[in-house]
Amino acid sequence: MENSFFTRLDERARRIGSLLCVGLDPHPQDLPESTAQAARDFSLRLIEATADVALAYKPNAAFFEAFGAEGWQALSEVIAAIPGDIPVVLDAKRGDISSTADAYARSVFETLKAQAVTLNPYLGYDSLKPFIKDPSHGAFLLCKTSNPGSVDLQELAVSSGERVLRLYEKVALLAQDWNDGNNVGLVVGATQPEALRRVRRLTPNLWFLSPGVGAQGGDLKLALQSGLREDGLGMLIPVSRAISRAEDPRKAAIELRDEIERVRQEVLAARQPAPAGYPISAALAEGLLEAGCVRFGNFTLKSGLQSPIYIDLRQLASFPMVLAEVASAYATLLQNLTFMRLAALPYAALPIGTAISLQTGYPLIYPRKEAKAYGTRADIEGLYEAGEQVVVIDDLATTGGSKFEAIEKLTAAGLKVKDVVVLVDRQSGAAEALAEAGYQLHAVLTLTGLLDYWEETGRIPAEQIEAVRDFLKK
């Protein structure tokens, strides 16, 4: 919608090249005296210093409400002083029903004249409707907040059809459904990169208000890697104390704006797909090197052969961000397949399968390498029913031998298998062997594609790349 709140936010973000939201939080200890007038003057100085670099302003109602009627007047004057083309998000965390919600909405949008507000969605859609009925007014729904106590409720498991989600993920899906006017966003803390990643997967187009960078210690790069939309926007980064308590607030705001933009460009550059035949993303290829999953040198393989390359994807378990990137890549391939459960093969694929399950909600089972000699004596761990379709998840594909062993156990239990998905295909005959038996191999990456990428980018010396290519030919 042309005049929707987030359309205007998109336009300003592109026009001024900033994702910085300046928080107007007049903490009592930052004021020369504990008065509404001092809170007003504090905020006006920040606005004057930062108006050209702020994508939006976020006054916190609590610090003004504390001064009673005079505080409300001061808040009104602060919002009125913000230039008209700069969105104002009132941080009020409202949430009530019926006529009370209507009154709160009139207070926010008609009396105070903010353009957006933070809301608690716990009371459901009818409590939000008065705030979002006009597309020009925006709402950020509390989803995964940055405080430690957020785990008490927001991490609770809830059912959603055949999937099990965390409560905050359910909120995200509801927000997606309620966003008819392009004016519903989510509060997802910058201190919660895994939650950012999950919520972004569920809501690819929504705007996030992501507090936590600065005084709360959120990692800017992790946050942007996890939460930016595909177009590089979609995250409003509020910062308050790191600006207001700086010796020179304007300089601090400019430096923050520039740092956010620098990291944003870095993240977007890493997301760019490599040329044809290369891996799906530079970030994934770099991550495998970073985690030590691919090493070059002289290694003795299980077969006794001497190899110039060694691939050990068990290392991924110690690098959660790379593991999450890997799981995301698997999830993209899985979208096109039909199955009811993931069947991960021990041992390297178990953490990978778990990460995929956590990101997508697909249930996980796994065939044991050896049957239990006690208890149920199960060959397969996890819940399943005979006749269900499963997709086999493994880390590598070489000749396909280990896949056939696992498929035999799965089919013996009455499960159906037609697809095998791996991270890296070593291109040593697995695809052909599986196809001959009626199964299809899907690989996120190929070894030759990785080699081409690392050679093109100069990440690995050319002589080492050639040594691996010669080895593969033999």
Protein backbone atom coordinates (compact mmCIF):
# COMPACT_ATOMS: atom_id res chain seq x y z
CA MET A 1 0.00 0.00 0.00
CA GLU A 2 1.36 3.37 -1.06
CA ASN A 3 0.71 5.26 2.16
CA SER A 4 1.26 2.41 4.62
CA PHE A 5 3.58 2.94 7.56
CA PHE A 6 6.21 0.49 6.37
CA THR A 7 6.13 1.80 2.80
CA ARG A 8 7.16 5.17 4.21
CA LEU A 9 9.79 3.54 6.41
CA ASP A 10 11.22 1.68 3.39
CA GLU A 11 11.38 4.90 1.39
CA ARG A 12 13.18 6.86 4.10
CA ALA A 13 15.64 4.02 4.78
CA ARG A 14 16.64 3.97 1.13
CA ARG A 15 16.73 7.76 0.85
CA ILE A 16 19.04 8.45 3.80
CA GLY A 17 20.92 5.12 3.92
CA SER A 18 20.24 4.46 7.58
CA LEU A 19 18.67 1.78 9.80
CA LEU A 20 19.39 3.73 12.99
CA CYS A 21 16.46 4.42 15.29
CA VAL A 22 17.33 6.98 17.96
CA GLY A 23 15.81 6.11 21.31
CA LEU A 24 14.53 9.01 23.38
CA ASP A 25 14.88 7.60 26.90
CA PRO A 26 15.38 10.40 29.43
CA HIS A 27 16.70 8.30 32.33
CA PRO A 28 16.52 10.25 35.60
CA GLN A 29 20.28 9.94 36.12
CA ASP A 30 20.87 11.62 32.76
CA LEU A 31 18.84 14.73 33.64
CA PRO A 32 20.13 17.80 35.49
CA GLU A 33 16.93 17.73 37.53
CA SER A 34 14.04 15.30 37.85
CA THR A 35 11.38 17.27 35.96
CA ALA A 36 9.28 16.88 32.84
CA GLN A 37 10.90 20.01 31.43
CA ALA A 38 14.35 18.44 31.80
CA ALA A 39 13.15 15.26 30.05
CA ARG A 40 11.71 17.41 27.25
CA ASP A 41 14.92 19.42 26.80
CA PHE A 42 17.04 16.26 26.89
CA SER A 43 15.00 14.76 24.06
CA LEU A 44 14.89 17.94 21.97
CA ARG A 45 18.70 18.19 22.05
CA LEU A 46 18.98 14.63 20.75
CA ILE A 47 16.49 15.31 17.96
CA GLU A 48 18.35 18.44 16.89
CA ALA A 49 21.66 16.55 16.84
CA THR A 50 20.48 13.47 14.92
CA ALA A 51 17.55 14.36 12.65
CA ASP A 52 19.50 13.84 9.43
CA VAL A 53 20.78 10.36 10.35
CA ALA A 54 17.80 8.89 12.20
CA LEU A 55 15.57 6.53 10.23
CA ALA A 56 13.06 6.88 13.07
CA TYR A 57 12.71 8.01 16.68
CA LYS A 58 11.50 5.84 19.54
CA PRO A 59 10.42 7.84 22.60
CA ASN A 60 9.88 5.60 25.62
CA ALA A 61 6.57 6.57 27.19
CA ALA A 62 7.53 5.31 30.66
CA PHE A 63 10.15 8.00 31.25
CA PHE A 64 7.59 10.70 30.48
CA GLU A 65 4.63 9.08 32.24
CA ALA A 66 6.66 9.12 35.46
CA PHE A 67 6.18 12.91 35.59
CA GLY A 68 2.39 12.69 35.43
CA ALA A 69 0.39 15.26 33.42
CA GLU A 70 3.47 17.42 32.84
CA GLY A 71 5.29 14.40 31.47
CA TRP A 72 2.49 13.73 28.98
CA GLN A 73 2.70 17.35 27.83
CA ALA A 74 6.46 17.04 27.47
CA LEU A 75 6.09 13.83 25.43
CA SER A 76 3.57 15.54 23.16
CA GLU A 77 5.96 18.44 22.59
CA VAL A 78 8.86 16.07 21.89
CA ILE A 79 6.89 14.19 19.22
CA ALA A 80 5.69 17.48 17.70
CA ALA A 81 9.33 18.64 17.41
CA ILE A 82 10.34 15.64 15.28
CA PRO A 83 10.37 16.56 11.55
CA GLY A 84 7.24 15.31 9.81
CA ASP A 85 9.05 13.00 7.39
CA ILE A 86 10.67 11.00 10.23
CA PRO A 87 8.55 8.13 11.61
CA VAL A 88 7.92 8.11 15.37
CA VAL A 89 7.48 4.76 17.14
CA LEU A 90 6.03 5.25 20.62
CA ASP A 91 7.48 2.57 22.88
CA ALA A 92 4.43 2.03 25.08
CA LYS A 93 3.82 -1.74 24.88
CA ARG A 94 0.05 -1.31 24.99
CA GLY A 95 -2.34 -4.25 25.04
CA ASP A 96 -6.03 -4.31 25.97
CA ILE A 97 -9.40 -5.12 24.48
CA SER A 98 -12.55 -3.47 23.14
CA SER A 99 -13.15 0.16 23.99
CA THR A 100 -9.97 0.31 26.12
CA ALA A 101 -7.85 -0.55 23.07
CA ASP A 102 -9.72 2.10 21.07
CA ALA A 103 -8.87 4.67 23.74
CA TYR A 104 -5.22 3.69 23.77
CA ALA A 105 -5.10 3.95 19.95
CA ARG A 106 -6.64 7.44 20.04
CA SER A 107 -4.11 8.45 22.68
CA VAL A 108 -1.16 7.24 20.60
CA PHE A 109 -2.22 8.42 17.15
CA GLU A 110 -4.60 11.34 17.68
CA THR A 111 -3.46 12.96 20.92
CA LEU A 112 0.30 12.28 20.87
CA LYS A 113 0.42 11.97 17.04
CA ALA A 114 2.97 9.15 16.90
CA GLN A 115 2.90 7.09 13.71
CA ALA A 116 3.58 3.67 15.25
CA VAL A 117 3.50 1.93 18.62
CA THR A 118 4.81 -1.20 20.32
CA LEU A 119 2.03 -3.61 21.34
CA ASN A 120 1.65 -6.72 23.46
CA PRO A 121 -0.21 -9.28 21.28
CA TYR A 122 -1.09 -11.58 24.20
CA LEU A 123 -4.78 -10.59 24.12
CA GLY A 124 -5.15 -11.50 20.44
CA TYR A 125 -6.24 -9.82 17.23
CA ASP A 126 -9.20 -7.85 18.60
CA SER A 127 -6.84 -6.04 20.98
CA LEU A 128 -4.64 -4.99 18.04
CA LYS A 129 -7.26 -4.08 15.47
CA PRO A 130 -7.84 -0.47 16.66
CA PHE A 131 -4.11 0.21 16.18
CA ILE A 132 -3.75 -1.28 12.69
CA LYS A 133 -7.09 -0.51 11.03
CA ASP A 134 -5.48 2.55 9.40
CA PRO A 135 -2.53 1.39 7.22
CA SER A 136 -0.73 4.70 7.82
CA HIS A 137 -0.35 3.70 11.49
CA GLY A 138 2.18 0.99 12.32
CA ALA A 139 2.46 -1.53 15.12
CA PHE A 140 5.43 -3.56 16.33
CA LEU A 141 4.21 -6.66 18.19
CA LEU A 142 6.34 -8.03 21.02
CA CYS A 143 7.71 -11.30 19.66
CA LYS A 144 11.13 -12.23 21.13
CA THR A 145 12.35 -9.57 23.50
CA SER A 146 15.93 -8.90 24.53
CA ASN A 147 15.54 -9.36 28.29
CA PRO A 148 16.77 -12.61 29.94
CA GLY A 149 13.31 -13.37 31.36
CA SER A 150 11.84 -13.65 27.87
CA VAL A 151 12.48 -17.41 28.05
CA ASP A 152 9.80 -17.80 30.73
CA LEU A 153 6.94 -17.55 28.22
CA GLN A 154 8.25 -16.76 24.76
CA GLU A 155 10.15 -20.06 24.42
CA LEU A 156 7.17 -22.26 25.38
CA ALA A 157 6.34 -24.99 22.85
CA VAL A 158 2.96 -24.69 21.13
CA SER A 159 1.30 -26.81 18.44
CA SER A 160 0.60 -25.34 15.01
CA GLY A 161 -1.00 -27.92 12.78
CA GLU A 162 1.52 -30.76 12.46
CA ARG A 163 4.39 -28.54 13.63
CA VAL A 164 5.62 -27.67 17.08
CA LEU A 165 6.71 -24.05 17.39
CA ARG A 166 7.96 -21.78 20.11
CA LEU A 167 5.38 -19.27 21.27
CA TYR A 168 7.31 -16.38 19.74
CA GLU A 169 7.32 -18.20 16.38
CA LYS A 170 3.55 -18.55 16.60
CA VAL A 171 3.32 -14.80 17.24
CA ALA A 172 5.45 -14.21 14.15
CA LEU A 173 3.15 -16.32 11.96
CA LEU A 174 0.08 -14.53 13.30
CA ALA A 175 1.70 -11.15 12.59
CA GLN A 176 2.29 -12.29 9.01
CA ASP A 177 -1.41 -13.13 8.69
CA TRP A 178 -2.51 -9.83 10.28
CA ASN A 179 -0.31 -7.67 8.05
CA ASP A 180 -2.99 -6.90 5.46
CA GLY A 181 -2.20 -3.19 5.51
CA ASN A 182 1.61 -3.48 5.44
CA ASN A 183 1.70 -1.93 8.90
CA VAL A 184 2.48 -4.83 11.27
CA GLY A 185 6.03 -5.51 12.39
CA LEU A 186 7.71 -7.41 15.21
CA VAL A 187 9.97 -6.67 18.16
CA VAL A 188 12.81 -9.20 18.01
CA GLY A 189 15.84 -8.40 20.15
CA ALA A 190 19.27 -7.96 18.58
CA THR A 191 20.61 -10.01 21.50
CA GLN A 192 18.71 -13.03 20.12
CA PRO A 193 20.38 -13.89 16.76
CA GLU A 194 18.93 -17.40 16.61
CA ALA A 195 15.43 -16.06 17.22
CA LEU A 196 16.03 -13.38 14.58
CA ARG A 197 16.99 -16.08 12.12
CA ARG A 198 13.94 -18.20 12.92
CA VAL A 199 11.51 -15.31 12.77
CA ARG A 200 12.99 -13.98 9.54
CA ARG A 201 12.50 -17.39 7.94
CA LEU A 202 8.84 -17.36 8.99
CA THR A 203 8.25 -13.71 8.04
CA PRO A 204 10.50 -12.82 5.11
CA ASN A 205 8.97 -9.37 4.50
CA LEU A 206 8.13 -7.90 7.92
CA TRP A 207 10.03 -5.09 9.60
CA PHE A 208 11.72 -5.88 12.92
CA LEU A 209 12.36 -3.44 15.75
CA SER A 210 15.55 -4.96 17.19
CA PRO A 211 16.77 -3.40 20.45
CA GLY A 212 19.91 -4.60 22.18
CA VAL A 213 22.79 -3.11 20.17
CA GLY A 214 24.90 -0.86 22.35
CA ALA A 215 24.47 -0.90 26.12
CA GLN A 216 22.76 -4.33 26.10
CA GLY A 217 25.68 -5.92 24.28
CA GLY A 218 23.99 -7.25 21.14
CA ASP A 219 26.38 -8.24 18.35
CA LEU A 220 25.55 -6.01 15.38
CA LYS A 221 26.93 -8.33 12.71
CA LEU A 222 25.18 -11.42 14.07
CA ALA A 223 21.95 -9.47 14.33
CA LEU A 224 22.08 -8.18 10.76
CA GLN A 225 23.15 -11.56 9.39
CA SER A 226 20.15 -13.12 11.06
CA GLY A 227 17.46 -10.50 10.62
CA LEU A 228 17.93 -8.48 7.44
CA ARG A 229 15.43 -9.07 4.67
CA GLU A 230 16.64 -10.19 1.26
CA ASP A 231 16.55 -6.55 0.10
CA GLY A 232 18.88 -5.52 2.94
CA LEU A 233 16.22 -3.61 4.86
CA GLY A 234 13.62 -4.72 7.40
CA MET A 235 15.51 -4.00 10.63
CA LEU A 236 15.10 -0.87 12.72
CA ILE A 237 18.06 -0.71 15.14
CA PRO A 238 17.17 1.43 18.18
CA VAL A 239 20.04 2.90 20.19
CA SER A 240 19.58 5.21 23.14
CA ARG A 241 22.29 5.42 25.81
CA ALA A 242 25.23 4.91 23.44
CA ILE A 243 24.14 8.19 21.80
CA SER A 244 22.66 10.23 24.65
CA ARG A 245 25.54 9.54 27.03
CA ALA A 246 28.26 10.15 24.46
CA GLU A 247 30.42 13.24 24.84
CA ASP A 248 29.27 14.28 21.36
CA PRO A 249 25.83 12.69 20.64
CA ARG A 250 25.80 13.81 17.01
CA LYS A 251 29.20 12.27 16.34
CA ALA A 252 28.12 9.07 18.11
CA ALA A 253 24.94 8.86 16.02
CA ILE A 254 26.83 9.39 12.76
CA GLU A 255 29.39 6.75 13.70
CA LEU A 256 26.63 4.30 14.60
CA ARG A 257 24.77 5.02 11.37
CA ASP A 258 27.96 4.45 9.39
CA GLU A 259 28.89 1.29 11.30
CA ILE A 260 25.44 -0.21 10.76
CA GLU A 261 25.65 0.60 7.06
CA ARG A 262 29.19 -0.82 6.77
CA VAL A 263 28.18 -4.10 8.41
CA ARG A 264 24.95 -4.20 6.40
CA GLN A 265 26.89 -3.97 3.14
CA GLU A 266 29.31 -6.63 4.36
CA VAL A 267 26.42 -8.98 5.18
CA LEU A 268 24.76 -8.37 1.82
CA ALA A 269 28.02 -8.98 -0.04
CA ALA A 270 28.42 -12.34 1.73
CA ARG A 271 24.85 -13.26 0.78
CA GLN A 272 25.39 -12.78 -2.93
CA PRO A 273 25.09 -16.08 -4.77
CA ALA A 274 28.31 -17.18 -6.39
CA PRO A 275 28.50 -17.49 -10.18
CA ALA A 276 26.95 -20.52 -11.89
CA GLY A 277 28.49 -23.77 -10.72
CA TYR A 278 29.64 -22.27 -7.44
CA PRO A 279 28.07 -22.85 -4.01
CA ILE A 280 24.71 -21.27 -3.24
CA SER A 281 26.29 -18.58 -1.10
CA ALA A 282 29.71 -17.19 -0.33
CA ALA A 283 28.81 -17.14 3.37
CA LEU A 284 28.40 -20.93 3.40
CA ALA A 285 31.67 -21.59 1.57
CA GLU A 286 33.51 -19.23 3.92
CA GLY A 287 31.80 -20.73 6.96
CA LEU A 288 33.06 -24.24 6.16
CA LEU A 289 36.63 -22.96 6.10
CA GLU A 290 36.08 -20.91 9.25
CA ALA A 291 34.80 -23.96 11.14
CA GLY A 292 37.70 -26.14 9.97
CA CYS A 293 35.30 -28.47 8.18
CA VAL A 294 37.53 -28.50 5.09
CA ARG A 295 41.29 -28.76 5.41
CA PHE A 296 44.07 -29.02 2.87
CA GLY A 297 47.30 -30.96 3.36
CA ASN A 298 48.09 -34.68 3.40
CA PHE A 299 45.57 -36.97 5.08
CA THR A 300 45.10 -40.73 5.31
CA LEU A 301 41.53 -41.65 4.53
CA LYS A 302 39.56 -44.60 5.97
CA SER A 303 40.28 -46.44 2.74
CA GLY A 304 44.04 -46.01 3.26
CA LEU A 305 44.38 -43.54 0.38
CA GLN A 306 46.46 -40.39 0.83
CA SER A 307 44.27 -37.35 0.15
CA PRO A 308 45.18 -33.65 -0.24
CA ILE A 309 41.80 -32.65 1.25
CA TYR A 310 39.88 -33.71 4.33
CA ILE A 311 36.24 -32.90 4.92
CA ASP A 312 34.97 -33.32 8.49
CA LEU A 313 31.51 -31.84 8.98
CA ARG A 314 31.33 -33.03 12.59
CA GLN A 315 33.11 -29.75 13.37
CA LEU A 316 29.87 -27.89 12.64
CA ALA A 317 28.50 -28.77 16.08
CA SER A 318 31.02 -26.34 17.62
CA PHE A 319 30.08 -23.43 15.33
CA PRO A 320 26.38 -22.69 15.91
CA MET A 321 26.11 -19.78 13.48
CA VAL A 322 27.68 -21.78 10.64
CA LEU A 323 25.50 -24.75 11.58
CA ALA A 324 22.44 -22.52 11.39
CA GLU A 325 23.55 -21.31 7.94
CA VAL A 326 23.96 -24.94 6.86
CA ALA A 327 20.52 -25.86 8.21
CA SER A 328 19.00 -22.92 6.36
CA ALA A 329 20.56 -24.13 3.10
CA TYR A 330 19.18 -27.65 3.64
CA ALA A 331 15.76 -26.16 4.40
CA THR A 332 15.74 -24.43 1.02
CA LEU A 333 16.25 -27.76 -0.77
CA LEU A 334 13.70 -29.52 1.42
CA GLN A 335 10.95 -27.09 0.43
CA ASN A 336 10.65 -28.87 -2.92
CA LEU A 337 10.48 -32.41 -1.51
CA THR A 338 7.57 -34.44 -0.12
CA PHE A 339 8.12 -36.13 3.26
CA MET A 340 6.82 -36.26 6.83
CA ARG A 341 10.01 -36.73 8.83
CA LEU A 342 13.76 -36.13 8.64
CA ALA A 343 15.93 -39.23 9.02
CA ALA A 344 19.44 -38.08 9.98
CA LEU A 345 22.34 -40.52 9.79
CA PRO A 346 24.77 -40.91 12.71
CA TYR A 347 27.00 -39.28 13.54
CA ALA A 348 27.86 -36.13 11.62
CA ALA A 349 24.32 -35.58 10.35
CA LEU A 350 22.69 -35.72 13.80
CA PRO A 351 23.49 -32.11 14.78
CA ILE A 352 22.70 -31.02 11.22
CA GLY A 353 19.35 -32.81 11.31
CA THR A 354 18.58 -31.34 14.73
CA ALA A 355 19.36 -27.82 13.47
CA ILE A 356 17.10 -28.34 10.44
CA SER A 357 14.33 -29.67 12.65
CA LEU A 358 14.58 -26.67 14.98
CA GLN A 359 14.48 -24.22 12.07
CA THR A 360 11.67 -25.86 10.12
CA GLY A 361 9.60 -27.77 12.66
CA TYR A 362 9.97 -31.10 10.83
CA PRO A 363 10.19 -34.02 13.31
CA LEU A 364 13.46 -35.98 13.42
CA ILE A 365 14.24 -39.69 13.65
CA TYR A 366 17.52 -41.51 13.15
CA PRO A 367 18.60 -45.09 12.40
CA ARG A 368 21.12 -46.38 14.92
CA LYS A 369 24.51 -47.64 13.76
CA GLU A 370 23.91 -50.62 15.99
CA ALA A 371 20.67 -51.91 17.50
CA LYS A 372 20.15 -51.38 21.22
CA ALA A 373 21.02 -54.50 23.21
CA TYR A 374 18.57 -53.56 25.95
CA GLY A 375 15.18 -51.93 26.48
CA THR A 376 13.26 -51.62 23.22
CA ARG A 377 16.21 -52.95 21.16
CA ALA A 378 15.26 -50.29 18.60
CA ASP A 379 17.00 -49.88 15.26
CA ILE A 380 15.43 -46.44 14.82
CA GLU A 381 15.13 -43.73 17.47
CA GLY A 382 12.22 -41.30 17.51
CA LEU A 383 8.49 -41.48 16.86
CA TYR A 384 7.19 -42.60 13.47
CA GLU A 385 4.52 -44.77 11.86
CA ALA A 386 4.96 -47.39 9.17
CA GLY A 387 4.05 -46.05 5.74
CA GLU A 388 5.34 -42.53 6.35
CA GLN A 389 7.64 -40.87 3.82
CA VAL A 390 11.02 -39.78 5.22
CA VAL A 391 13.92 -37.89 3.68
CA VAL A 392 17.43 -39.10 4.50
CA ILE A 393 19.76 -36.37 5.80
CA ASP A 394 23.53 -36.90 5.71
CA ASP A 395 26.61 -34.71 5.65
CA LEU A 396 28.57 -36.06 2.67
CA ALA A 397 27.99 -38.27 -0.33
CA THR A 398 30.94 -40.24 -1.71
CA THR A 399 29.99 -43.65 -3.07
CA GLY A 400 26.59 -43.93 -1.42
CA GLY A 401 27.39 -47.05 0.62
CA SER A 402 26.39 -45.66 4.03
CA LYS A 403 23.13 -44.34 2.58
CA PHE A 404 22.08 -47.82 1.43
CA GLU A 405 22.74 -49.26 4.89
CA ALA A 406 20.53 -46.60 6.49
CA ILE A 407 17.79 -46.89 3.86
CA GLU A 408 17.65 -50.65 4.45
CA LYS A 409 16.98 -50.08 8.17
CA LEU A 410 14.36 -47.42 7.45
CA THR A 411 12.47 -49.48 4.88
CA ALA A 412 12.64 -52.55 7.14
CA ALA A 413 10.69 -50.48 9.68
CA GLY A 414 8.01 -49.79 7.06
CA LEU A 415 9.13 -46.25 6.17
CA LYS A 416 9.28 -44.99 2.58
CA VAL A 417 12.40 -43.32 1.15
CA LYS A 418 12.93 -41.67 -2.20
CA ASP A 419 15.20 -38.66 -1.48
CA VAL A 420 18.63 -38.24 0.12
CA VAL A 421 19.91 -34.74 0.94
CA VAL A 422 23.55 -33.97 1.77
CA LEU A 423 25.59 -30.84 2.30
CA VAL A 424 28.51 -31.80 0.04
CA ASP A 425 28.53 -34.22 -2.88
CA ARG A 426 32.12 -35.37 -3.42
CA GLN A 427 31.01 -36.46 -6.92
CA SER A 428 32.50 -39.91 -6.56
CA GLY A 429 29.56 -41.96 -7.82
CA ALA A 430 26.96 -41.65 -5.04
CA ALA A 431 24.36 -39.88 -7.19
CA GLU A 432 24.61 -42.49 -9.91
CA ALA A 433 24.52 -45.44 -7.49
CA LEU A 434 21.49 -44.07 -5.67
CA ALA A 435 19.66 -43.26 -8.91
CA GLU A 436 20.20 -46.81 -10.15
CA ALA A 437 18.47 -48.05 -6.99
CA GLY A 438 15.57 -45.61 -7.41
CA TYR A 439 16.64 -42.85 -5.04
CA GLN A 440 17.49 -39.24 -5.83
CA LEU A 441 20.47 -37.41 -4.34
CA HIS A 442 20.15 -33.67 -3.62
CA ALA A 443 23.28 -31.73 -2.61
CA VAL A 444 23.55 -28.22 -1.24
CA LEU A 445 27.13 -28.01 -2.52
CA THR A 446 29.44 -29.94 -4.80
CA LEU A 447 33.14 -30.37 -4.11
CA THR A 448 34.08 -29.06 -7.55
CA GLY A 449 31.88 -26.03 -7.00
CA LEU A 450 33.62 -25.31 -3.70
CA LEU A 451 37.04 -25.70 -5.31
CA ASP A 452 36.08 -23.34 -8.13
CA TYR A 453 34.85 -20.74 -5.65
CA TRP A 454 37.91 -20.92 -3.39
CA GLU A 455 40.20 -20.69 -6.42
CA GLU A 456 38.31 -17.74 -7.89
CA THR A 457 38.38 -15.82 -4.60
CA GLY A 458 42.00 -16.71 -3.80
CA ARG A 459 41.05 -18.28 -0.48
CA ILE A 460 43.09 -21.44 -1.18
CA PRO A 461 46.43 -21.50 -3.06
CA ALA A 462 46.07 -22.63 -6.66
CA GLU A 463 48.53 -25.52 -6.25
CA GLN A 464 46.42 -27.02 -3.45
CA ILE A 465 43.28 -26.70 -5.56
CA GLU A 466 45.01 -28.48 -8.45
CA ALA A 467 46.24 -31.24 -6.16
CA VAL A 468 42.66 -31.95 -5.09
CA ARG A 469 41.40 -31.89 -8.68
CA ASP A 470 44.12 -34.38 -9.68
CA PHE A 471 43.18 -36.60 -6.75
CA LEU A 472 39.51 -36.56 -7.76
CA LYS A 473 40.39 -37.53 -11.34
CA LYS A 474 42.30 -40.55 -10.08
